[in-house]
């Protein structure tokens, strides 16, 4: 196993489950859902990683992807100022996420088991990731993951804080 740990802050929007916005390693990172495989697995693509302070244009784009608006008066935003936007918006929330992930491969497909804390509330996760959907499906079957509901981190984090 390759063990990885991380501490992140996820930013959730009551309006969508399709914009994965987080701060990890000091970078504001966004991925958006671009579709689903025929088997119903979600496909997220990176949209950008931004160093703080983040420009007004980038913050506006991120909020647009989260389907919310905010009055952006500054030209740049520090992490604290971005957090303030989230804290003051009724449809947004910040969640502290701590991950301990155990990576491995099944027939060349990247897989992981993880223990994840959302604001201290623990869940266990497992996933397989690949652009080779046939291989990924075989790995999912080999690990018997198909019998479990497929829930992305955004939905799990929302459930953990009671956000609908």
C-alpha atoms as a PDB file:
ATOM      1  CA  UNK A   1       0.000   0.000   0.000  1.00  0.00           C
ATOM      2  CA  UNK A   2       1.010   3.565  -0.594  1.00  0.00           C
ATOM      3  CA  UNK A   3      -0.326   5.616   2.322  1.00  0.00           C
ATOM      4  CA  UNK A   4      -1.182   9.279   1.789  1.00  0.00           C
ATOM      5  CA  UNK A   5      -2.595  11.719   4.283  1.00  0.00           C
ATOM      6  CA  UNK A   6      -3.980  15.167   3.621  1.00  0.00           C
ATOM      7  CA  UNK A   7      -5.861  17.969   5.281  1.00  0.00           C
ATOM      8  CA  UNK A   8      -8.166  19.921   3.044  1.00  0.00           C
ATOM      9  CA  UNK A   9     -11.085  22.299   3.189  1.00  0.00           C
ATOM     10  CA  UNK A  10     -13.991  21.510   0.882  1.00  0.00           C
ATOM     11  CA  UNK A  11     -16.399  24.242  -0.142  1.00  0.00           C
ATOM     12  CA  UNK A  12     -19.938  22.992  -0.611  1.00  0.00           C
ATOM     13  CA  UNK A  13     -22.821  24.567  -2.474  1.00  0.00           C
ATOM     14  CA  UNK A  14     -26.415  23.782  -1.636  1.00  0.00           C
ATOM     15  CA  UNK A  15     -27.140  24.423  -5.342  1.00  0.00           C
ATOM     16  CA  UNK A  16     -24.945  21.720  -6.959  1.00  0.00           C
ATOM     17  CA  UNK A  17     -23.012  18.485  -6.491  1.00  0.00           C
ATOM     18  CA  UNK A  18     -21.050  19.071  -9.686  1.00  0.00           C
ATOM     19  CA  UNK A  19     -18.385  21.576  -8.580  1.00  0.00           C
ATOM     20  CA  UNK A  20     -15.639  20.088  -6.413  1.00  0.00           C
ATOM     21  CA  UNK A  21     -13.913  23.113  -4.851  1.00  0.00           C
ATOM     22  CA  UNK A  22     -11.271  22.686  -2.172  1.00  0.00           C
ATOM     23  CA  UNK A  23      -8.084  24.057  -0.697  1.00  0.00           C
ATOM     24  CA  UNK A  24      -5.239  21.559  -0.485  1.00  0.00           C
ATOM     25  CA  UNK A  25      -1.574  22.376  -0.012  1.00  0.00           C
ATOM     26  CA  UNK A  26      -2.413  26.088  -0.088  1.00  0.00           C
ATOM     27  CA  UNK A  27      -4.003  25.933  -3.560  1.00  0.00           C
ATOM     28  CA  UNK A  28      -7.632  26.591  -4.450  1.00  0.00           C
ATOM     29  CA  UNK A  29      -8.546  23.627  -6.634  1.00  0.00           C
ATOM     30  CA  UNK A  30     -11.680  23.144  -8.745  1.00  0.00           C
ATOM     31  CA  UNK A  31     -12.931  20.124 -10.674  1.00  0.00           C
ATOM     32  CA  UNK A  32     -16.320  19.968 -12.348  1.00  0.00           C
ATOM     33  CA  UNK A  33     -18.499  17.078 -13.366  1.00  0.00           C
ATOM     34  CA  UNK A  34     -18.507  16.646 -17.129  1.00  0.00           C
ATOM     35  CA  UNK A  35     -20.640  13.523 -17.412  1.00  0.00           C
ATOM     36  CA  UNK A  36     -21.182   9.929 -16.419  1.00  0.00           C
ATOM     37  CA  UNK A  37     -20.005   6.614 -17.803  1.00  0.00           C
ATOM     38  CA  UNK A  38     -22.600   4.190 -19.171  1.00  0.00           C
ATOM     39  CA  UNK A  39     -22.463   2.450 -15.792  1.00  0.00           C
ATOM     40  CA  UNK A  40     -23.265   5.653 -13.905  1.00  0.00           C
ATOM     41  CA  UNK A  41     -19.794   6.525 -12.619  1.00  0.00           C
ATOM     42  CA  UNK A  42     -19.218  10.259 -12.442  1.00  0.00           C
ATOM     43  CA  UNK A  43     -16.515  11.931 -14.521  1.00  0.00           C
ATOM     44  CA  UNK A  44     -14.862  15.028 -13.026  1.00  0.00           C
ATOM     45  CA  UNK A  45     -12.250  17.076 -14.883  1.00  0.00           C
ATOM     46  CA  UNK A  46      -9.797  19.598 -13.411  1.00  0.00           C
ATOM     47  CA  UNK A  47     -10.658  23.237 -14.140  1.00  0.00           C
ATOM     48  CA  UNK A  48      -7.782  24.916 -12.355  1.00  0.00           C
ATOM     49  CA  UNK A  49      -5.511  25.263  -9.351  1.00  0.00           C
ATOM     50  CA  UNK A  50      -4.984  28.779  -8.101  1.00  0.00           C
ATOM     51  CA  UNK A  51      -2.449  30.239  -5.691  1.00  0.00           C
ATOM     52  CA  UNK A  52      -3.656  32.742  -3.136  1.00  0.00           C
ATOM     53  CA  UNK A  53      -4.309  35.565  -3.482  1.00  0.00           C
ATOM     54  CA  UNK A  54      -6.790  34.499  -6.172  1.00  0.00           C
ATOM     55  CA  UNK A  55      -7.986  37.011  -8.757  1.00  0.00           C
ATOM     56  CA  UNK A  56     -11.536  38.337  -8.843  1.00  0.00           C
ATOM     57  CA  UNK A  57     -12.136  36.729 -12.271  1.00  0.00           C
ATOM     58  CA  UNK A  58     -11.147  33.274 -10.976  1.00  0.00           C
ATOM     59  CA  UNK A  59     -13.241  33.632  -7.803  1.00  0.00           C
ATOM     60  CA  UNK A  60     -16.239  34.704  -9.918  1.00  0.00           C
ATOM     61  CA  UNK A  61     -15.767  31.662 -12.176  1.00  0.00           C
ATOM     62  CA  UNK A  62     -15.550  29.309  -9.195  1.00  0.00           C
ATOM     63  CA  UNK A  63     -18.714  30.769  -7.655  1.00  0.00           C
ATOM     64  CA  UNK A  64     -20.456  30.505 -11.032  1.00  0.00           C
ATOM     65  CA  UNK A  65     -19.573  26.794 -11.144  1.00  0.00           C
ATOM     66  CA  UNK A  66     -21.035  26.486  -7.630  1.00  0.00           C
ATOM     67  CA  UNK A  67     -24.227  28.144  -8.983  1.00  0.00           C
ATOM     68  CA  UNK A  68     -24.050  31.070  -6.548  1.00  0.00           C
ATOM     69  CA  UNK A  69     -23.275  34.759  -6.756  1.00  0.00           C
ATOM     70  CA  UNK A  70     -21.461  37.119  -4.428  1.00  0.00           C
ATOM     71  CA  UNK A  71     -20.646  40.810  -4.586  1.00  0.00           C
ATOM     72  CA  UNK A  72     -16.921  40.742  -5.348  1.00  0.00           C
ATOM     73  CA  UNK A  73     -15.491  44.178  -4.616  1.00  0.00           C
ATOM     74  CA  UNK A  74     -11.794  43.317  -4.422  1.00  0.00           C
ATOM     75  CA  UNK A  75      -9.375  42.542  -7.237  1.00  0.00           C
ATOM     76  CA  UNK A  76      -7.789  39.629  -5.312  1.00  0.00           C
ATOM     77  CA  UNK A  77      -8.772  37.376  -2.402  1.00  0.00           C
ATOM     78  CA  UNK A  78      -6.628  35.730   0.261  1.00  0.00           C
ATOM     79  CA  UNK A  79      -7.655  32.364   1.680  1.00  0.00           C
ATOM     80  CA  UNK A  80      -9.163  34.154   4.697  1.00  0.00           C
ATOM     81  CA  UNK A  81     -11.153  36.487   2.447  1.00  0.00           C
ATOM     82  CA  UNK A  82     -12.398  33.569   0.333  1.00  0.00           C
ATOM     83  CA  UNK A  83     -13.436  31.762   3.537  1.00  0.00           C
ATOM     84  CA  UNK A  84     -15.366  34.897   4.555  1.00  0.00           C
ATOM     85  CA  UNK A  85     -17.296  34.820   1.249  1.00  0.00           C
ATOM     86  CA  UNK A  86     -18.253  31.203   1.968  1.00  0.00           C
ATOM     87  CA  UNK A  87     -19.151  31.864   5.623  1.00  0.00           C
ATOM     88  CA  UNK A  88     -21.384  34.810   4.681  1.00  0.00           C
ATOM     89  CA  UNK A  89     -23.256  33.032   1.873  1.00  0.00           C
ATOM     90  CA  UNK A  90     -26.437  31.142   2.856  1.00  0.00           C
ATOM     91  CA  UNK A  91     -25.918  28.470   0.166  1.00  0.00           C
ATOM     92  CA  UNK A  92     -22.234  27.746   0.863  1.00  0.00           C
ATOM     93  CA  UNK A  93     -20.385  25.909   3.622  1.00  0.00           C
ATOM     94  CA  UNK A  94     -16.786  25.013   4.397  1.00  0.00           C
ATOM     95  CA  UNK A  95     -15.928  21.541   5.700  1.00  0.00           C
ATOM     96  CA  UNK A  96     -12.613  20.476   7.205  1.00  0.00           C
ATOM     97  CA  UNK A  97     -11.605  17.184   5.571  1.00  0.00           C
ATOM     98  CA  UNK A  98      -8.859  14.893   6.825  1.00  0.00           C
ATOM     99  CA  UNK A  99      -7.987  11.930   4.615  1.00  0.00           C
ATOM    100  CA  UNK A 100      -5.860   8.859   5.179  1.00  0.00           C
ATOM    101  CA  UNK A 101      -5.773   6.923   1.927  1.00  0.00           C
ATOM    102  CA  UNK A 102      -4.243   3.557   1.141  1.00  0.00           C
ATOM    103  CA  UNK A 103      -3.431   3.305  -2.563  1.00  0.00           C
ATOM    104  CA  UNK A 104      -2.983   0.105  -4.542  1.00  0.00           C
ATOM    105  CA  UNK A 105      -3.692  -1.209  -8.022  1.00  0.00           C
ATOM    106  CA  UNK A 106      -5.831  -3.984  -9.428  1.00  0.00           C
ATOM    107  CA  UNK A 107      -4.721  -5.067 -12.903  1.00  0.00           C
ATOM    108  CA  UNK A 108      -3.137  -1.650 -13.443  1.00  0.00           C
ATOM    109  CA  UNK A 109      -6.187   0.310 -12.260  1.00  0.00           C
ATOM    110  CA  UNK A 110      -5.553   2.856  -9.490  1.00  0.00           C
ATOM    111  CA  UNK A 111      -7.606   2.011  -6.399  1.00  0.00           C
ATOM    112  CA  UNK A 112      -7.735   3.227  -2.847  1.00  0.00           C
ATOM    113  CA  UNK A 113      -9.312   2.602   0.512  1.00  0.00           C
ATOM    114  CA  UNK A 114      -9.669   5.646   2.710  1.00  0.00           C
ATOM    115  CA  UNK A 115     -10.632   6.834   6.133  1.00  0.00           C
ATOM    116  CA  UNK A 116     -12.092  10.320   5.840  1.00  0.00           C
ATOM    117  CA  UNK A 117     -13.141  12.769   8.537  1.00  0.00           C
ATOM    118  CA  UNK A 118     -15.640  15.504   7.634  1.00  0.00           C
ATOM    119  CA  UNK A 119     -15.504  18.045  10.490  1.00  0.00           C
ATOM    120  CA  UNK A 120     -14.456  15.091  12.679  1.00  0.00           C
ATOM    121  CA  UNK A 121     -17.209  12.703  11.484  1.00  0.00           C
ATOM    122  CA  UNK A 122     -15.589   9.520  10.105  1.00  0.00           C
ATOM    123  CA  UNK A 123     -16.560   7.590   7.002  1.00  0.00           C
ATOM    124  CA  UNK A 124     -14.730   4.875   5.085  1.00  0.00           C
ATOM    125  CA  UNK A 125     -14.362   5.072   1.335  1.00  0.00           C
ATOM    126  CA  UNK A 126     -13.125   2.977  -1.539  1.00  0.00           C
ATOM    127  CA  UNK A 127     -12.673   3.912  -5.153  1.00  0.00           C
ATOM    128  CA  UNK A 128     -11.149   2.993  -8.474  1.00  0.00           C
ATOM    129  CA  UNK A 129     -10.069   5.674 -10.940  1.00  0.00           C
ATOM    130  CA  UNK A 130      -9.116   5.307 -14.564  1.00  0.00           C
ATOM    131  CA  UNK A 131      -9.853   6.547 -18.048  1.00  0.00           C
ATOM    132  CA  UNK A 132      -9.992   2.832 -18.979  1.00  0.00           C
ATOM    133  CA  UNK A 133     -13.635   2.301 -18.005  1.00  0.00           C
ATOM    134  CA  UNK A 134     -13.646  -1.399 -18.938  1.00  0.00           C
ATOM    135  CA  UNK A 135     -10.624  -2.027 -16.719  1.00  0.00           C
ATOM    136  CA  UNK A 136     -12.108   0.123 -13.970  1.00  0.00           C
ATOM    137  CA  UNK A 137     -15.365  -1.840 -14.081  1.00  0.00           C
ATOM    138  CA  UNK A 138     -13.415  -5.110 -13.758  1.00  0.00           C
ATOM    139  CA  UNK A 139     -11.485  -3.744 -10.753  1.00  0.00           C
ATOM    140  CA  UNK A 140     -14.741  -2.616  -9.118  1.00  0.00           C
ATOM    141  CA  UNK A 141     -16.184  -6.094  -9.642  1.00  0.00           C
ATOM    142  CA  UNK A 142     -13.021  -7.789  -8.301  1.00  0.00           C
ATOM    143  CA  UNK A 143     -13.175  -5.669  -5.135  1.00  0.00           C
ATOM    144  CA  UNK A 144     -16.966  -6.168  -4.856  1.00  0.00           C
ATOM    145  CA  UNK A 145     -17.496  -2.420  -4.632  1.00  0.00           C
ATOM    146  CA  UNK A 146     -20.494  -2.480  -6.968  1.00  0.00           C
ATOM    147  CA  UNK A 147     -22.803  -3.590  -4.176  1.00  0.00           C
ATOM    148  CA  UNK A 148     -22.208  -0.268  -2.382  1.00  0.00           C
ATOM    149  CA  UNK A 149     -23.779   3.060  -3.297  1.00  0.00           C
ATOM    150  CA  UNK A 150     -21.473   5.303  -5.340  1.00  0.00           C
ATOM    151  CA  UNK A 151     -21.285   8.596  -3.402  1.00  0.00           C
ATOM    152  CA  UNK A 152     -18.799  11.345  -4.218  1.00  0.00           C
ATOM    153  CA  UNK A 153     -17.030  13.379  -1.512  1.00  0.00           C
ATOM    154  CA  UNK A 154     -19.292  16.378  -2.084  1.00  0.00           C
ATOM    155  CA  UNK A 155     -22.446  14.400  -1.305  1.00  0.00           C
ATOM    156  CA  UNK A 156     -20.802  12.626   1.648  1.00  0.00           C
ATOM    157  CA  UNK A 157     -19.583  15.938   3.090  1.00  0.00           C
ATOM    158  CA  UNK A 158     -23.032  17.496   2.662  1.00  0.00           C
ATOM    159  CA  UNK A 159     -24.638  14.551   4.455  1.00  0.00           C
ATOM    160  CA  UNK A 160     -22.126  14.851   7.301  1.00  0.00           C
ATOM    161  CA  UNK A 161     -23.097  18.488   7.963  1.00  0.00           C
ATOM    162  CA  UNK A 162     -26.823  18.097   7.236  1.00  0.00           C
ATOM    163  CA  UNK A 163     -26.789  20.162   4.028  1.00  0.00           C
ATOM    164  CA  UNK A 164     -29.502  19.235   1.559  1.00  0.00           C
END
